[in-house]
């Protein structure tokens, strides 16, 4: 099932959406959740986007910072 979701996404959206916003054309290789699952995002096509590895790594780092910030406020 996951492979079919990835295939549909990359067929519909073959380029990294974040790179495209900046005028670059890089193939998407990562199925990314726009709203992370740990923040309540759904695991469906309305909450997915194609990203390249570089953009995915940067987005993941930002999400991790938010998670640490939230956890430190709860402590």
C-alpha atoms as a PDB file:
ATOM      1  CA  UNK A   1       0.000   0.000   0.000  1.00  0.00           C
ATOM      2  CA  UNK A   2       2.743   2.480   0.908  1.00  0.00           C
ATOM      3  CA  UNK A   3       4.520   1.818  -2.394  1.00  0.00           C
ATOM      4  CA  UNK A   4       1.281   2.515  -4.301  1.00  0.00           C
ATOM      5  CA  UNK A   5       0.838   5.799  -2.401  1.00  0.00           C
ATOM      6  CA  UNK A   6       4.412   6.814  -3.276  1.00  0.00           C
ATOM      7  CA  UNK A   7       3.931   5.827  -6.917  1.00  0.00           C
ATOM      8  CA  UNK A   8       0.707   7.860  -7.210  1.00  0.00           C
ATOM      9  CA  UNK A   9       2.326  10.882  -5.553  1.00  0.00           C
ATOM     10  CA  UNK A  10       5.453  10.872  -7.722  1.00  0.00           C
ATOM     11  CA  UNK A  11       3.381  10.321 -10.877  1.00  0.00           C
ATOM     12  CA  UNK A  12       1.212  13.313  -9.985  1.00  0.00           C
ATOM     13  CA  UNK A  13       4.021  15.406  -8.483  1.00  0.00           C
ATOM     14  CA  UNK A  14       7.454  14.307  -9.792  1.00  0.00           C
ATOM     15  CA  UNK A  15       9.353  17.408  -8.643  1.00  0.00           C
ATOM     16  CA  UNK A  16      10.181  18.600  -5.133  1.00  0.00           C
ATOM     17  CA  UNK A  17       7.530  21.166  -4.204  1.00  0.00           C
ATOM     18  CA  UNK A  18       9.900  23.237  -2.048  1.00  0.00           C
ATOM     19  CA  UNK A  19      12.579  23.411  -4.740  1.00  0.00           C
ATOM     20  CA  UNK A  20       9.960  24.422  -7.310  1.00  0.00           C
ATOM     21  CA  UNK A  21       8.914  27.353  -5.096  1.00  0.00           C
ATOM     22  CA  UNK A  22      12.502  28.560  -5.368  1.00  0.00           C
ATOM     23  CA  UNK A  23      12.741  28.103  -9.119  1.00  0.00           C
ATOM     24  CA  UNK A  24      14.715  24.851  -8.987  1.00  0.00           C
ATOM     25  CA  UNK A  25      13.713  21.604 -10.672  1.00  0.00           C
ATOM     26  CA  UNK A  26      14.761  18.605  -8.583  1.00  0.00           C
ATOM     27  CA  UNK A  27      13.128  15.176  -8.599  1.00  0.00           C
ATOM     28  CA  UNK A  28      11.106  14.293  -5.538  1.00  0.00           C
ATOM     29  CA  UNK A  29      12.281  11.109  -3.829  1.00  0.00           C
ATOM     30  CA  UNK A  30      10.610  11.432  -0.426  1.00  0.00           C
ATOM     31  CA  UNK A  31       6.894  11.142   0.376  1.00  0.00           C
ATOM     32  CA  UNK A  32       6.575  13.801   3.057  1.00  0.00           C
ATOM     33  CA  UNK A  33       3.680  14.524   5.399  1.00  0.00           C
ATOM     34  CA  UNK A  34       2.925  18.251   5.186  1.00  0.00           C
ATOM     35  CA  UNK A  35       1.669  18.182   8.771  1.00  0.00           C
ATOM     36  CA  UNK A  36       3.799  15.586  10.553  1.00  0.00           C
ATOM     37  CA  UNK A  37       2.007  12.553  11.922  1.00  0.00           C
ATOM     38  CA  UNK A  38       3.315  13.339  15.423  1.00  0.00           C
ATOM     39  CA  UNK A  39       1.622  16.746  15.183  1.00  0.00           C
ATOM     40  CA  UNK A  40      -1.717  15.223  14.221  1.00  0.00           C
ATOM     41  CA  UNK A  41      -1.299  15.051  10.457  1.00  0.00           C
ATOM     42  CA  UNK A  42      -3.169  12.382   8.535  1.00  0.00           C
ATOM     43  CA  UNK A  43      -1.531   9.629   6.530  1.00  0.00           C
ATOM     44  CA  UNK A  44      -3.426  10.298   3.312  1.00  0.00           C
ATOM     45  CA  UNK A  45      -2.951  12.054  -0.010  1.00  0.00           C
ATOM     46  CA  UNK A  46      -4.330  15.374   1.270  1.00  0.00           C
ATOM     47  CA  UNK A  47      -1.378  15.586   3.667  1.00  0.00           C
ATOM     48  CA  UNK A  48       1.464  14.510   1.405  1.00  0.00           C
ATOM     49  CA  UNK A  49       3.961  16.218  -0.823  1.00  0.00           C
ATOM     50  CA  UNK A  50       6.989  15.147  -2.775  1.00  0.00           C
ATOM     51  CA  UNK A  51      10.341  16.422  -1.545  1.00  0.00           C
ATOM     52  CA  UNK A  52      13.954  15.874  -2.515  1.00  0.00           C
ATOM     53  CA  UNK A  53      16.287  14.443   0.116  1.00  0.00           C
ATOM     54  CA  UNK A  54      17.839  17.829   0.916  1.00  0.00           C
ATOM     55  CA  UNK A  55      14.501  19.582   1.495  1.00  0.00           C
ATOM     56  CA  UNK A  56      13.213  16.617   3.480  1.00  0.00           C
ATOM     57  CA  UNK A  57      16.280  16.707   5.745  1.00  0.00           C
ATOM     58  CA  UNK A  58      15.852  20.450   6.351  1.00  0.00           C
ATOM     59  CA  UNK A  59      12.114  20.095   7.062  1.00  0.00           C
ATOM     60  CA  UNK A  60      12.747  17.183   9.428  1.00  0.00           C
ATOM     61  CA  UNK A  61      15.342  19.245  11.326  1.00  0.00           C
ATOM     62  CA  UNK A  62      12.849  22.113  11.733  1.00  0.00           C
ATOM     63  CA  UNK A  63      10.168  19.705  12.939  1.00  0.00           C
ATOM     64  CA  UNK A  64      12.596  18.235  15.468  1.00  0.00           C
ATOM     65  CA  UNK A  65      13.347  21.733  16.802  1.00  0.00           C
ATOM     66  CA  UNK A  66       9.617  22.379  17.243  1.00  0.00           C
ATOM     67  CA  UNK A  67       9.243  19.068  19.038  1.00  0.00           C
ATOM     68  CA  UNK A  68      12.103  19.848  21.422  1.00  0.00           C
ATOM     69  CA  UNK A  69      10.692  23.328  22.067  1.00  0.00           C
ATOM     70  CA  UNK A  70       7.229  21.945  22.880  1.00  0.00           C
ATOM     71  CA  UNK A  71       8.685  19.259  25.116  1.00  0.00           C
ATOM     72  CA  UNK A  72      10.800  21.790  27.033  1.00  0.00           C
ATOM     73  CA  UNK A  73       7.711  23.946  27.657  1.00  0.00           C
ATOM     74  CA  UNK A  74       5.877  20.930  29.067  1.00  0.00           C
ATOM     75  CA  UNK A  75       8.684  20.039  31.470  1.00  0.00           C
END
